[in-house]
Amino acid sequence: MHFAQLPQVEAAVVPADGLLLDVREDNEWAAGHVEGALHIPMGQVVARFDELTAAVGEGRRVHVMCRVGGRSAQVTQYLVAQGLDAVNVDGGMLAWDAAGRPMVSGPDGTAEGAFVL
């Protein structure tokens, strides 16, 4: 039996206007996240699937991320099985931060003090 490889993309090449789905928990999100990302914790993806598909629209790719890539890989696999164009962000938020990509934190979305939890 042969399984298809999970689609992945490096954090450094995610388009600035790409749709990002962050599947981390609330406390991780509050510490630091990508501005404009859609936040749906992994345990809520199935229940909030309609919200996700509304954000995706017509043929838009979903870049799925978590802290290091494990949870997002599982969600990516689920989304692909549902027919969405989804890719896992390899290395997650740790890779995003290491690539020098911008992050914000807190309820006011300030860049100061943002970090990966």
PDB file of N, CA and C in Angstrom:
ATOM      1  N   MET A   1       0.841  -1.172   0.000  1.00  0.00           N
ATOM      2  CA  MET A   1       0.000   0.000   0.000  1.00  0.00           C
ATOM      3  C   MET A   1       0.887   1.236   0.000  1.00  0.00           C
ATOM      4  N   HIS A   2       0.542   2.223  -0.801  1.00  0.00           N
ATOM      5  CA  HIS A   2       1.320   3.452  -0.914  1.00  0.00           C
ATOM      6  C   HIS A   2       0.446   4.634  -0.513  1.00  0.00           C
ATOM      7  N   PHE A   3       0.979   5.472   0.371  1.00  0.00           N
ATOM      8  CA  PHE A   3       0.246   6.641   0.813  1.00  0.00           C
ATOM      9  C   PHE A   3       0.853   7.885   0.194  1.00  0.00           C
ATOM     10  N   ALA A   4       0.018   8.804  -0.214  1.00  0.00           N
ATOM     11  CA  ALA A   4       0.494  10.061  -0.782  1.00  0.00           C
ATOM     12  C   ALA A   4       1.157  10.887   0.308  1.00  0.00           C
ATOM     13  N   GLN A   5       2.204  11.601  -0.065  1.00  0.00           N
ATOM     14  CA  GLN A   5       2.891  12.457   0.879  1.00  0.00           C
ATOM     15  C   GLN A   5       2.019  13.660   1.217  1.00  0.00           C
ATOM     16  N   LEU A   6       2.068  14.064   2.465  1.00  0.00           N
ATOM     17  CA  LEU A   6       1.300  15.219   2.926  1.00  0.00           C
ATOM     18  C   LEU A   6       1.859  16.485   2.290  1.00  0.00           C
ATOM     19  N   PRO A   7       1.015  17.315   1.686  1.00  0.00           N
ATOM     20  CA  PRO A   7       1.521  18.557   1.097  1.00  0.00           C
ATOM     21  C   PRO A   7       2.045  19.502   2.176  1.00  0.00           C
ATOM     22  N   GLN A   8       3.260  20.011   1.963  1.00  0.00           N
ATOM     23  CA  GLN A   8       3.901  20.908   2.925  1.00  0.00           C
ATOM     24  C   GLN A   8       4.509  22.102   2.216  1.00  0.00           C
ATOM     25  N   VAL A   9       4.719  23.167   2.973  1.00  0.00           N
ATOM     26  CA  VAL A   9       5.378  24.354   2.463  1.00  0.00           C
ATOM     27  C   VAL A   9       6.243  24.916   3.595  1.00  0.00           C
ATOM     28  N   GLU A  10       7.368  25.495   3.228  1.00  0.00           N
ATOM     29  CA  GLU A  10       8.238  26.141   4.217  1.00  0.00           C
ATOM     30  C   GLU A  10       7.593  27.448   4.686  1.00  0.00           C
ATOM     31  N   ALA A  11       7.776  27.771   5.950  1.00  0.00           N
ATOM     32  CA  ALA A  11       7.207  29.001   6.511  1.00  0.00           C
ATOM     33  C   ALA A  11       7.686  30.245   5.765  1.00  0.00           C
ATOM     34  N   ALA A  12       8.910  30.224   5.311  1.00  0.00           N
ATOM     35  CA  ALA A  12       9.489  31.394   4.653  1.00  0.00           C
ATOM     36  C   ALA A  12       8.834  31.732   3.323  1.00  0.00           C
ATOM     37  N   VAL A  13       8.139  30.771   2.710  1.00  0.00           N
ATOM     38  CA  VAL A  13       7.554  31.022   1.391  1.00  0.00           C
ATOM     39  C   VAL A  13       6.029  31.121   1.395  1.00  0.00           C
ATOM     40  N   VAL A  14       5.419  31.112   2.566  1.00  0.00           N
ATOM     41  CA  VAL A  14       3.969  31.309   2.640  1.00  0.00           C
ATOM     42  C   VAL A  14       3.670  32.731   2.164  1.00  0.00           C
ATOM     43  N   PRO A  15       2.770  32.884   1.181  1.00  0.00           N
ATOM     44  CA  PRO A  15       2.473  34.238   0.686  1.00  0.00           C
ATOM     45  C   PRO A  15       1.935  35.151   1.783  1.00  0.00           C
ATOM     46  N   ALA A  16       2.335  36.407   1.738  1.00  0.00           N
ATOM     47  CA  ALA A  16       1.885  37.379   2.748  1.00  0.00           C
ATOM     48  C   ALA A  16       0.363  37.497   2.779  1.00  0.00           C
ATOM     49  N   ASP A  17      -0.285  37.282   1.622  1.00  0.00           N
ATOM     50  CA  ASP A  17      -1.740  37.371   1.569  1.00  0.00           C
ATOM     51  C   ASP A  17      -2.404  35.997   1.613  1.00  0.00           C
ATOM     52  N   GLY A  18      -1.631  34.968   1.969  1.00  0.00           N
ATOM     53  CA  GLY A  18      -2.183  33.614   2.035  1.00  0.00           C
ATOM     54  C   GLY A  18      -3.113  33.425   3.218  1.00  0.00           C
ATOM     55  N   LEU A  19      -4.022  32.465   3.092  1.00  0.00           N
ATOM     56  CA  LEU A  19      -4.936  32.140   4.187  1.00  0.00           C
ATOM     57  C   LEU A  19      -4.227  31.200   5.148  1.00  0.00           C
ATOM     58  N   LEU A  20      -4.041  31.658   6.383  1.00  0.00           N
ATOM     59  CA  LEU A  20      -3.401  30.856   7.415  1.00  0.00           C
ATOM     60  C   LEU A  20      -4.433  30.384   8.417  1.00  0.00           C
ATOM     61  N   LEU A  21      -4.425  29.100   8.695  1.00  0.00           N
ATOM     62  CA  LEU A  21      -5.274  28.506   9.723  1.00  0.00           C
ATOM     63  C   LEU A  21      -4.368  28.071  10.861  1.00  0.00           C
ATOM     64  N   ASP A  22      -4.520  28.695  12.011  1.00  0.00           N
ATOM     65  CA  ASP A  22      -3.723  28.382  13.192  1.00  0.00           C
ATOM     66  C   ASP A  22      -4.551  27.467  14.084  1.00  0.00           C
ATOM     67  N   VAL A  23      -4.063  26.241  14.317  1.00  0.00           N
ATOM     68  CA  VAL A  23      -4.842  25.249  15.057  1.00  0.00           C
ATOM     69  C   VAL A  23      -4.342  25.063  16.492  1.00  0.00           C
ATOM     70  N   ARG A  24      -3.542  26.024  16.982  1.00  0.00           N
ATOM     71  CA  ARG A  24      -3.038  25.942  18.349  1.00  0.00           C
ATOM     72  C   ARG A  24      -4.131  26.319  19.355  1.00  0.00           C
ATOM     73  N   GLU A  25      -3.843  26.061  20.616  1.00  0.00           N
ATOM     74  CA  GLU A  25      -4.786  26.378  21.690  1.00  0.00           C
ATOM     75  C   GLU A  25      -4.790  27.887  21.960  1.00  0.00           C
ATOM     76  N   ASP A  26      -5.805  28.333  22.693  1.00  0.00           N
ATOM     77  CA  ASP A  26      -6.004  29.762  22.952  1.00  0.00           C
ATOM     78  C   ASP A  26      -4.791  30.430  23.603  1.00  0.00           C
ATOM     79  N   ASN A  27      -4.168  29.768  24.582  1.00  0.00           N
ATOM     80  CA  ASN A  27      -3.024  30.387  25.257  1.00  0.00           C
ATOM     81  C   ASN A  27      -1.824  30.515  24.319  1.00  0.00           C
ATOM     82  N   GLU A  28      -1.645  29.569  23.416  1.00  0.00           N
ATOM     83  CA  GLU A  28      -0.561  29.646  22.436  1.00  0.00           C
ATOM     84  C   GLU A  28      -0.812  30.808  21.469  1.00  0.00           C
ATOM     85  N   TRP A  29      -2.057  30.925  21.034  1.00  0.00           N
ATOM     86  CA  TRP A  29      -2.462  32.001  20.120  1.00  0.00           C
ATOM     87  C   TRP A  29      -2.231  33.371  20.762  1.00  0.00           C
ATOM     88  N   ALA A  30      -2.621  33.513  22.032  1.00  0.00           N
ATOM     89  CA  ALA A  30      -2.489  34.794  22.727  1.00  0.00           C
ATOM     90  C   ALA A  30      -1.028  35.221  22.851  1.00  0.00           C
ATOM     91  N   ALA A  31      -0.111  34.275  23.012  1.00  0.00           N
ATOM     92  CA  ALA A  31       1.312  34.599  23.162  1.00  0.00           C
ATOM     93  C   ALA A  31       1.895  35.178  21.882  1.00  0.00           C
ATOM     94  N   GLY A  32       1.474  34.643  20.745  1.00  0.00           N
ATOM     95  CA  GLY A  32       1.980  35.137  19.475  1.00  0.00           C
ATOM     96  C   GLY A  32       1.355  34.401  18.315  1.00  0.00           C
ATOM     97  N   HIS A  33       0.932  35.144  17.299  1.00  0.00           N
ATOM     98  CA  HIS A  33       0.308  34.539  16.123  1.00  0.00           C
ATOM     99  C   HIS A  33       0.519  35.442  14.911  1.00  0.00           C
ATOM    100  N   VAL A  34       0.166  34.914  13.754  1.00  0.00           N
ATOM    101  CA  VAL A  34       0.288  35.677  12.520  1.00  0.00           C
ATOM    102  C   VAL A  34      -0.938  36.581  12.396  1.00  0.00           C
ATOM    103  N   GLU A  35      -0.697  37.855  12.188  1.00  0.00           N
ATOM    104  CA  GLU A  35      -1.806  38.789  12.029  1.00  0.00           C
ATOM    105  C   GLU A  35      -2.669  38.381  10.836  1.00  0.00           C
ATOM    106  N   GLY A  36      -3.972  38.336  11.047  1.00  0.00           N
ATOM    107  CA  GLY A  36      -4.894  37.981   9.980  1.00  0.00           C
ATOM    108  C   GLY A  36      -5.166  36.496   9.854  1.00  0.00           C
ATOM    109  N   ALA A  37      -4.460  35.673  10.634  1.00  0.00           N
ATOM    110  CA  ALA A  37      -4.687  34.226  10.579  1.00  0.00           C
ATOM    111  C   ALA A  37      -6.053  33.887  11.176  1.00  0.00           C
ATOM    112  N   LEU A  38      -6.643  32.810  10.682  1.00  0.00           N
ATOM    113  CA  LEU A  38      -7.891  32.291  11.237  1.00  0.00           C
ATOM    114  C   LEU A  38      -7.519  31.333  12.359  1.00  0.00           C
ATOM    115  N   HIS A  39      -8.057  31.549  13.551  1.00  0.00           N
ATOM    116  CA  HIS A  39      -7.725  30.710  14.697  1.00  0.00           C
ATOM    117  C   HIS A  39      -8.874  29.754  14.999  1.00  0.00           C
ATOM    118  N   ILE A  40      -8.624  28.476  14.751  1.00  0.00           N
ATOM    119  CA  ILE A  40      -9.573  27.418  15.120  1.00  0.00           C
ATOM    120  C   ILE A  40      -8.748  26.295  15.749  1.00  0.00           C
ATOM    121  N   PRO A  41      -8.794  26.146  17.073  1.00  0.00           N
ATOM    122  CA  PRO A  41      -8.018  25.078  17.704  1.00  0.00           C
ATOM    123  C   PRO A  41      -8.351  23.710  17.097  1.00  0.00           C
ATOM    124  N   MET A  42      -7.349  22.838  17.069  1.00  0.00           N
ATOM    125  CA  MET A  42      -7.487  21.533  16.424  1.00  0.00           C
ATOM    126  C   MET A  42      -8.763  20.796  16.848  1.00  0.00           C
ATOM    127  N   GLY A  43      -9.073  20.820  18.123  1.00  0.00           N
ATOM    128  CA  GLY A  43     -10.241  20.109  18.626  1.00  0.00           C
ATOM    129  C   GLY A  43     -11.574  20.684  18.172  1.00  0.00           C
ATOM    130  N   GLN A  44     -11.558  21.857  17.532  1.00  0.00           N
ATOM    131  CA  GLN A  44     -12.787  22.501  17.083  1.00  0.00           C
ATOM    132  C   GLN A  44     -12.942  22.531  15.565  1.00  0.00           C
ATOM    133  N   VAL A  45     -11.955  21.994  14.835  1.00  0.00           N
ATOM    134  CA  VAL A  45     -11.966  22.097  13.375  1.00  0.00           C
ATOM    135  C   VAL A  45     -13.215  21.463  12.766  1.00  0.00           C
ATOM    136  N   VAL A  46     -13.586  20.274  13.210  1.00  0.00           N
ATOM    137  CA  VAL A  46     -14.757  19.599  12.639  1.00  0.00           C
ATOM    138  C   VAL A  46     -16.029  20.395  12.937  1.00  0.00           C
ATOM    139  N   ALA A  47     -16.196  20.843  14.165  1.00  0.00           N
ATOM    140  CA  ALA A  47     -17.400  21.584  14.556  1.00  0.00           C
ATOM    141  C   ALA A  47     -17.493  22.941  13.853  1.00  0.00           C
ATOM    142  N   ARG A  48     -16.342  23.538  13.526  1.00  0.00           N
ATOM    143  CA  ARG A  48     -16.326  24.871  12.908  1.00  0.00           C
ATOM    144  C   ARG A  48     -15.949  24.816  11.426  1.00  0.00           C
ATOM    145  N   PHE A  49     -16.157  23.652  10.805  1.00  0.00           N
ATOM    146  CA  PHE A  49     -15.773  23.451   9.415  1.00  0.00           C
ATOM    147  C   PHE A  49     -16.458  24.454   8.483  1.00  0.00           C
ATOM    148  N   ASP A  50     -17.712  24.785   8.724  1.00  0.00           N
ATOM    149  CA  ASP A  50     -18.426  25.756   7.882  1.00  0.00           C
ATOM    150  C   ASP A  50     -17.754  27.132   7.928  1.00  0.00           C
ATOM    151  N   GLU A  51     -17.273  27.523   9.103  1.00  0.00           N
ATOM    152  CA  GLU A  51     -16.561  28.793   9.248  1.00  0.00           C
ATOM    153  C   GLU A  51     -15.282  28.781   8.402  1.00  0.00           C
ATOM    154  N   LEU A  52     -14.612  27.663   8.409  1.00  0.00           N
ATOM    155  CA  LEU A  52     -13.381  27.528   7.627  1.00  0.00           C
ATOM    156  C   LEU A  52     -13.665  27.575   6.133  1.00  0.00           C
ATOM    157  N   THR A  53     -14.670  26.824   5.679  1.00  0.00           N
ATOM    158  CA  THR A  53     -14.965  26.811   4.247  1.00  0.00           C
ATOM    159  C   THR A  53     -15.445  28.182   3.766  1.00  0.00           C
ATOM    160  N   ALA A  54     -16.120  28.941   4.629  1.00  0.00           N
ATOM    161  CA  ALA A  54     -16.534  30.298   4.257  1.00  0.00           C
ATOM    162  C   ALA A  54     -15.307  31.190   4.059  1.00  0.00           C
ATOM    163  N   ALA A  55     -14.290  31.009   4.901  1.00  0.00           N
ATOM    164  CA  ALA A  55     -13.063  31.799   4.776  1.00  0.00           C
ATOM    165  C   ALA A  55     -12.259  31.393   3.546  1.00  0.00           C
ATOM    166  N   VAL A  56     -12.332  30.123   3.189  1.00  0.00           N
ATOM    167  CA  VAL A  56     -11.574  29.617   2.042  1.00  0.00           C
ATOM    168  C   VAL A  56     -12.109  30.197   0.743  1.00  0.00           C
ATOM    169  N   GLY A  57     -13.426  30.236   0.591  1.00  0.00           N
ATOM    170  CA  GLY A  57     -14.010  30.744  -0.643  1.00  0.00           C
ATOM    171  C   GLY A  57     -13.707  29.839  -1.824  1.00  0.00           C
ATOM    172  N   GLU A  58     -13.588  30.408  -3.005  1.00  0.00           N
ATOM    173  CA  GLU A  58     -13.361  29.645  -4.229  1.00  0.00           C
ATOM    174  C   GLU A  58     -11.900  29.314  -4.447  1.00  0.00           C
ATOM    175  N   GLY A  59     -11.551  28.061  -4.261  1.00  0.00           N
ATOM    176  CA  GLY A  59     -10.236  27.576  -4.630  1.00  0.00           C
ATOM    177  C   GLY A  59      -9.041  28.179  -3.917  1.00  0.00           C
ATOM    178  N   ARG A  60      -9.235  28.789  -2.781  1.00  0.00           N
ATOM    179  CA  ARG A  60      -8.127  29.396  -2.039  1.00  0.00           C
ATOM    180  C   ARG A  60      -7.386  28.319  -1.245  1.00  0.00           C
ATOM    181  N   ARG A  61      -6.071  28.381  -1.246  1.00  0.00           N
ATOM    182  CA  ARG A  61      -5.251  27.415  -0.503  1.00  0.00           C
ATOM    183  C   ARG A  61      -5.235  27.769   0.983  1.00  0.00           C
ATOM    184  N   VAL A  62      -5.310  26.741   1.835  1.00  0.00           N
ATOM    185  CA  VAL A  62      -5.248  26.918   3.281  1.00  0.00           C
ATOM    186  C   VAL A  62      -3.868  26.471   3.762  1.00  0.00           C
ATOM    187  N   HIS A  63      -3.142  27.373   4.417  1.00  0.00           N
ATOM    188  CA  HIS A  63      -1.843  27.061   5.009  1.00  0.00           C
ATOM    189  C   HIS A  63      -2.104  26.787   6.486  1.00  0.00           C
ATOM    190  N   VAL A  64      -1.904  25.544   6.916  1.00  0.00           N
ATOM    191  CA  VAL A  64      -2.258  25.127   8.273  1.00  0.00           C
ATOM    192  C   VAL A  64      -1.004  25.108   9.147  1.00  0.00           C
ATOM    193  N   MET A  65      -1.097  25.728  10.322  1.00  0.00           N
ATOM    194  CA  MET A  65       0.060  25.744  11.206  1.00  0.00           C
ATOM    195  C   MET A  65      -0.308  25.534  12.661  1.00  0.00           C
ATOM    196  N   CYS A  66       0.679  24.998  13.400  1.00  0.00           N
ATOM    197  CA  CYS A  66       0.592  24.874  14.851  1.00  0.00           C
ATOM    198  C   CYS A  66       1.951  25.299  15.400  1.00  0.00           C
ATOM    199  N   ARG A  67       2.391  24.729  16.476  1.00  0.00           N
ATOM    200  CA  ARG A  67       3.679  25.140  17.045  1.00  0.00           C
ATOM    201  C   ARG A  67       4.848  24.582  16.242  1.00  0.00           C
ATOM    202  N   VAL A  68       4.843  23.255  15.988  1.00  0.00           N
ATOM    203  CA  VAL A  68       5.967  22.637  15.270  1.00  0.00           C
ATOM    204  C   VAL A  68       5.560  21.857  14.030  1.00  0.00           C
ATOM    205  N   GLY A  69       4.277  21.607  13.844  1.00  0.00           N
ATOM    206  CA  GLY A  69       3.829  20.936  12.624  1.00  0.00           C
ATOM    207  C   GLY A  69       3.092  19.630  12.800  1.00  0.00           C
ATOM    208  N   GLY A  70       3.016  19.099  14.003  1.00  0.00           N
ATOM    209  CA  GLY A  70       2.333  17.816  14.235  1.00  0.00           C
ATOM    210  C   GLY A  70       0.817  17.918  14.175  1.00  0.00           C
ATOM    211  N   ARG A  71       0.255  18.823  14.952  1.00  0.00           N
ATOM    212  CA  ARG A  71      -1.206  19.003  14.943  1.00  0.00           C
ATOM    213  C   ARG A  71      -1.672  19.500  13.586  1.00  0.00           C
ATOM    214  N   SER A  72      -0.921  20.433  13.019  1.00  0.00           N
ATOM    215  CA  SER A  72      -1.325  20.977  11.717  1.00  0.00           C
ATOM    216  C   SER A  72      -1.257  19.915  10.628  1.00  0.00           C
ATOM    217  N   ALA A  73      -0.337  18.955  10.730  1.00  0.00           N
ATOM    218  CA  ALA A  73      -0.267  17.872   9.751  1.00  0.00           C
ATOM    219  C   ALA A  73      -1.548  17.041   9.788  1.00  0.00           C
ATOM    220  N   GLN A  74      -2.046  16.770  10.991  1.00  0.00           N
ATOM    221  CA  GLN A  74      -3.287  16.002  11.127  1.00  0.00           C
ATOM    222  C   GLN A  74      -4.470  16.769  10.548  1.00  0.00           C
ATOM    223  N   VAL A  75      -4.538  18.059  10.838  1.00  0.00           N
ATOM    224  CA  VAL A  75      -5.634  18.879  10.312  1.00  0.00           C
ATOM    225  C   VAL A  75      -5.525  18.991   8.799  1.00  0.00           C
ATOM    226  N   THR A  76      -4.321  19.155   8.284  1.00  0.00           N
ATOM    227  CA  THR A  76      -4.120  19.227   6.834  1.00  0.00           C
ATOM    228  C   THR A  76      -4.629  17.950   6.179  1.00  0.00           C
ATOM    229  N   GLN A  77      -4.297  16.812   6.747  1.00  0.00           N
ATOM    230  CA  GLN A  77      -4.754  15.531   6.208  1.00  0.00           C
ATOM    231  C   GLN A  77      -6.281  15.478   6.169  1.00  0.00           C
ATOM    232  N   TYR A  78      -6.934  15.935   7.220  1.00  0.00           N
ATOM    233  CA  TYR A  78      -8.390  15.970   7.276  1.00  0.00           C
ATOM    234  C   TYR A  78      -8.955  16.897   6.200  1.00  0.00           C
ATOM    235  N   LEU A  79      -8.380  18.098   6.076  1.00  0.00           N
ATOM    236  CA  LEU A  79      -8.896  19.066   5.109  1.00  0.00           C
ATOM    237  C   LEU A  79      -8.729  18.578   3.676  1.00  0.00           C
ATOM    238  N   VAL A  80      -7.605  17.955   3.377  1.00  0.00           N
ATOM    239  CA  VAL A  80      -7.388  17.398   2.044  1.00  0.00           C
ATOM    240  C   VAL A  80      -8.428  16.312   1.756  1.00  0.00           C
ATOM    241  N   ALA A  81      -8.713  15.480   2.755  1.00  0.00           N
ATOM    242  CA  ALA A  81      -9.720  14.425   2.596  1.00  0.00           C
ATOM    243  C   ALA A  81     -11.108  15.016   2.355  1.00  0.00           C
ATOM    244  N   GLN A  82     -11.335  16.252   2.831  1.00  0.00           N
ATOM    245  CA  GLN A  82     -12.620  16.930   2.624  1.00  0.00           C
ATOM    246  C   GLN A  82     -12.661  17.677   1.297  1.00  0.00           C
ATOM    247  N   GLY A  83     -11.571  17.619   0.538  1.00  0.00           N
ATOM    248  CA  GLY A  83     -11.535  18.236  -0.778  1.00  0.00           C
ATOM    249  C   GLY A  83     -10.964  19.646  -0.830  1.00  0.00           C
ATOM    250  N   LEU A  84     -10.396  20.120   0.277  1.00  0.00           N
ATOM    251  CA  LEU A  84      -9.817  21.463   0.284  1.00  0.00           C
ATOM    252  C   LEU A  84      -8.360  21.423  -0.163  1.00  0.00           C
ATOM    253  N   ASP A  85      -7.896  22.519  -0.718  1.00  0.00           N
ATOM    254  CA  ASP A  85      -6.496  22.672  -1.084  1.00  0.00           C
ATOM    255  C   ASP A  85      -5.782  23.156   0.175  1.00  0.00           C
ATOM    256  N   ALA A  86      -5.206  22.228   0.923  1.00  0.00           N
ATOM    257  CA  ALA A  86      -4.569  22.553   2.198  1.00  0.00           C
ATOM    258  C   ALA A  86      -3.132  22.048   2.210  1.00  0.00           C
ATOM    259  N   VAL A  87      -2.259  22.837   2.829  1.00  0.00           N
ATOM    260  CA  VAL A  87      -0.861  22.459   2.986  1.00  0.00           C
ATOM    261  C   VAL A  87      -0.430  22.707   4.425  1.00  0.00           C
ATOM    262  N   ASN A  88       0.440  21.845   4.922  1.00  0.00           N
ATOM    263  CA  ASN A  88       0.995  21.983   6.256  1.00  0.00           C
ATOM    264  C   ASN A  88       2.190  22.937   6.204  1.00  0.00           C
ATOM    265  N   VAL A  89       2.248  23.879   7.134  1.00  0.00           N
ATOM    266  CA  VAL A  89       3.404  24.761   7.225  1.00  0.00           C
ATOM    267  C   VAL A  89       4.466  24.005   8.027  1.00  0.00           C
ATOM    268  N   ASP A  90       5.497  23.547   7.318  1.00  0.00           N
ATOM    269  CA  ASP A  90       6.547  22.721   7.909  1.00  0.00           C
ATOM    270  C   ASP A  90       7.285  23.487   9.008  1.00  0.00           C
ATOM    271  N   GLY A  91       7.326  22.914  10.194  1.00  0.00           N
ATOM    272  CA  GLY A  91       8.003  23.558  11.317  1.00  0.00           C
ATOM    273  C   GLY A  91       7.136  24.510  12.111  1.00  0.00           C
ATOM    274  N   GLY A  92       5.925  24.788  11.619  1.00  0.00           N
ATOM    275  CA  GLY A  92       4.951  25.588  12.347  1.00  0.00           C
ATOM    276  C   GLY A  92       5.430  26.982  12.738  1.00  0.00           C
ATOM    277  N   MET A  93       4.909  27.451  13.855  1.00  0.00           N
ATOM    278  CA  MET A  93       5.228  28.802  14.329  1.00  0.00           C
ATOM    279  C   MET A  93       6.697  28.943  14.711  1.00  0.00           C
ATOM    280  N   LEU A  94       7.339  27.859  15.136  1.00  0.00           N
ATOM    281  CA  LEU A  94       8.765  27.954  15.441  1.00  0.00           C
ATOM    282  C   LEU A  94       9.552  28.284  14.176  1.00  0.00           C
ATOM    283  N   ALA A  95       9.207  27.644  13.054  1.00  0.00           N
ATOM    284  CA  ALA A  95       9.862  27.935  11.779  1.00  0.00           C
ATOM    285  C   ALA A  95       9.493  29.331  11.294  1.00  0.00           C
ATOM    286  N   TRP A  96       8.240  29.736  11.518  1.00  0.00           N
ATOM    287  CA  TRP A  96       7.783  31.077  11.123  1.00  0.00           C
ATOM    288  C   TRP A  96       8.628  32.137  11.834  1.00  0.00           C
ATOM    289  N   ASP A  97       8.782  31.980  13.137  1.00  0.00           N
ATOM    290  CA  ASP A  97       9.567  32.909  13.941  1.00  0.00           C
ATOM    291  C   ASP A  97      11.040  32.888  13.505  1.00  0.00           C
ATOM    292  N   ALA A  98      11.591  31.701  13.289  1.00  0.00           N
ATOM    293  CA  ALA A  98      12.992  31.565  12.870  1.00  0.00           C
ATOM    294  C   ALA A  98      13.244  32.212  11.510  1.00  0.00           C
ATOM    295  N   ALA A  99      12.221  32.224  10.651  1.00  0.00           N
ATOM    296  CA  ALA A  99      12.350  32.844   9.326  1.00  0.00           C
ATOM    297  C   ALA A  99      12.195  34.363   9.393  1.00  0.00           C
ATOM    298  N   GLY A 100      11.933  34.880  10.601  1.00  0.00           N
ATOM    299  CA  GLY A 100      11.786  36.329  10.760  1.00  0.00           C
ATOM    300  C   GLY A 100      10.464  36.875  10.273  1.00  0.00           C
ATOM    301  N   ARG A 101       9.470  35.987  10.138  1.00  0.00           N
ATOM    302  CA  ARG A 101       8.154  36.438   9.683  1.00  0.00           C
ATOM    303  C   ARG A 101       7.452  37.163  10.831  1.00  0.00           C
ATOM    304  N   PRO A 102       6.594  38.141  10.524  1.00  0.00           N
ATOM    305  CA  PRO A 102       5.978  38.951  11.584  1.00  0.00           C
ATOM    306  C   PRO A 102       4.929  38.198  12.400  1.00  0.00           C
ATOM    307  N   MET A 103       4.857  38.569  13.684  1.00  0.00           N
ATOM    308  CA  MET A 103       3.870  38.021  14.610  1.00  0.00           C
ATOM    309  C   MET A 103       3.309  39.156  15.454  1.00  0.00           C
ATOM    310  N   VAL A 104       2.127  38.916  15.984  1.00  0.00           N
ATOM    311  CA  VAL A 104       1.500  39.846  16.923  1.00  0.00           C
ATOM    312  C   VAL A 104       1.042  39.044  18.134  1.00  0.00           C
ATOM    313  N   SER A 105       0.663  39.748  19.203  1.00  0.00           N
ATOM    314  CA  SER A 105       0.188  39.047  20.400  1.00  0.00           C
ATOM    315  C   SER A 105      -0.902  39.839  21.086  1.00  0.00           C
ATOM    316  N   GLY A 106      -1.562  39.168  22.003  1.00  0.00           N
ATOM    317  CA  GLY A 106      -2.564  39.816  22.834  1.00  0.00           C
ATOM    318  C   GLY A 106      -3.805  40.238  22.085  1.00  0.00           C
ATOM    319  N   PRO A 107      -4.778  40.751  22.826  1.00  0.00           N
ATOM    320  CA  PRO A 107      -6.056  41.154  22.238  1.00  0.00           C
ATOM    321  C   PRO A 107      -5.961  42.359  21.313  1.00  0.00           C
ATOM    322  N   ASP A 108      -4.929  43.207  21.527  1.00  0.00           N
ATOM    323  CA  ASP A 108      -4.800  44.396  20.689  1.00  0.00           C
ATOM    324  C   ASP A 108      -3.922  44.158  19.468  1.00  0.00           C
ATOM    325  N   GLY A 109      -3.351  42.947  19.337  1.00  0.00           N
ATOM    326  CA  GLY A 109      -2.571  42.605  18.159  1.00  0.00           C
ATOM    327  C   GLY A 109      -1.286  43.382  17.996  1.00  0.00           C
ATOM    328  N   THR A 110      -0.577  43.633  19.105  1.00  0.00           N
ATOM    329  CA  THR A 110       0.676  44.357  19.032  1.00  0.00           C
ATOM    330  C   THR A 110       1.836  43.412  18.738  1.00  0.00           C
ATOM    331  N   ALA A 111       2.826  43.884  18.006  1.00  0.00           N
ATOM    332  CA  ALA A 111       3.992  43.066  17.681  1.00  0.00           C
ATOM    333  C   ALA A 111       4.953  42.971  18.857  1.00  0.00           C
ATOM    334  N   GLU A 112       4.916  43.949  19.732  1.00  0.00           N
ATOM    335  CA  GLU A 112       5.825  43.958  20.875  1.00  0.00           C
ATOM    336  C   GLU A 112       5.470  42.824  21.838  1.00  0.00           C
ATOM    337  N   GLY A 113       6.461  42.017  22.150  1.00  0.00           N
ATOM    338  CA  GLY A 113       6.270  40.935  23.114  1.00  0.00           C
ATOM    339  C   GLY A 113       5.712  39.653  22.542  1.00  0.00           C
ATOM    340  N   ALA A 114       5.489  39.586  21.223  1.00  0.00           N
ATOM    341  CA  ALA A 114       4.971  38.352  20.633  1.00  0.00           C
ATOM    342  C   ALA A 114       6.041  37.277  20.665  1.00  0.00           C
ATOM    343  N   PHE A 115       5.648  36.069  21.050  1.00  0.00           N
ATOM    344  CA  PHE A 115       6.563  34.941  21.069  1.00  0.00           C
ATOM    345  C   PHE A 115       5.790  33.646  20.825  1.00  0.00           C
ATOM    346  N   VAL A 116       6.533  32.583  20.535  1.00  0.00           N
ATOM    347  CA  VAL A 116       5.915  31.276  20.294  1.00  0.00           C
ATOM    348  C   VAL A 116       5.906  30.510  21.605  1.00  0.00           C
ATOM    349  N   LEU A 117       4.723  30.111  22.033  1.00  0.00           N
ATOM    350  CA  LEU A 117       4.553  29.356  23.270  1.00  0.00           C
ATOM    351  C   LEU A 117       4.470  27.894  22.944  1.00  0.00           C
TER     352      LEU A 117
END
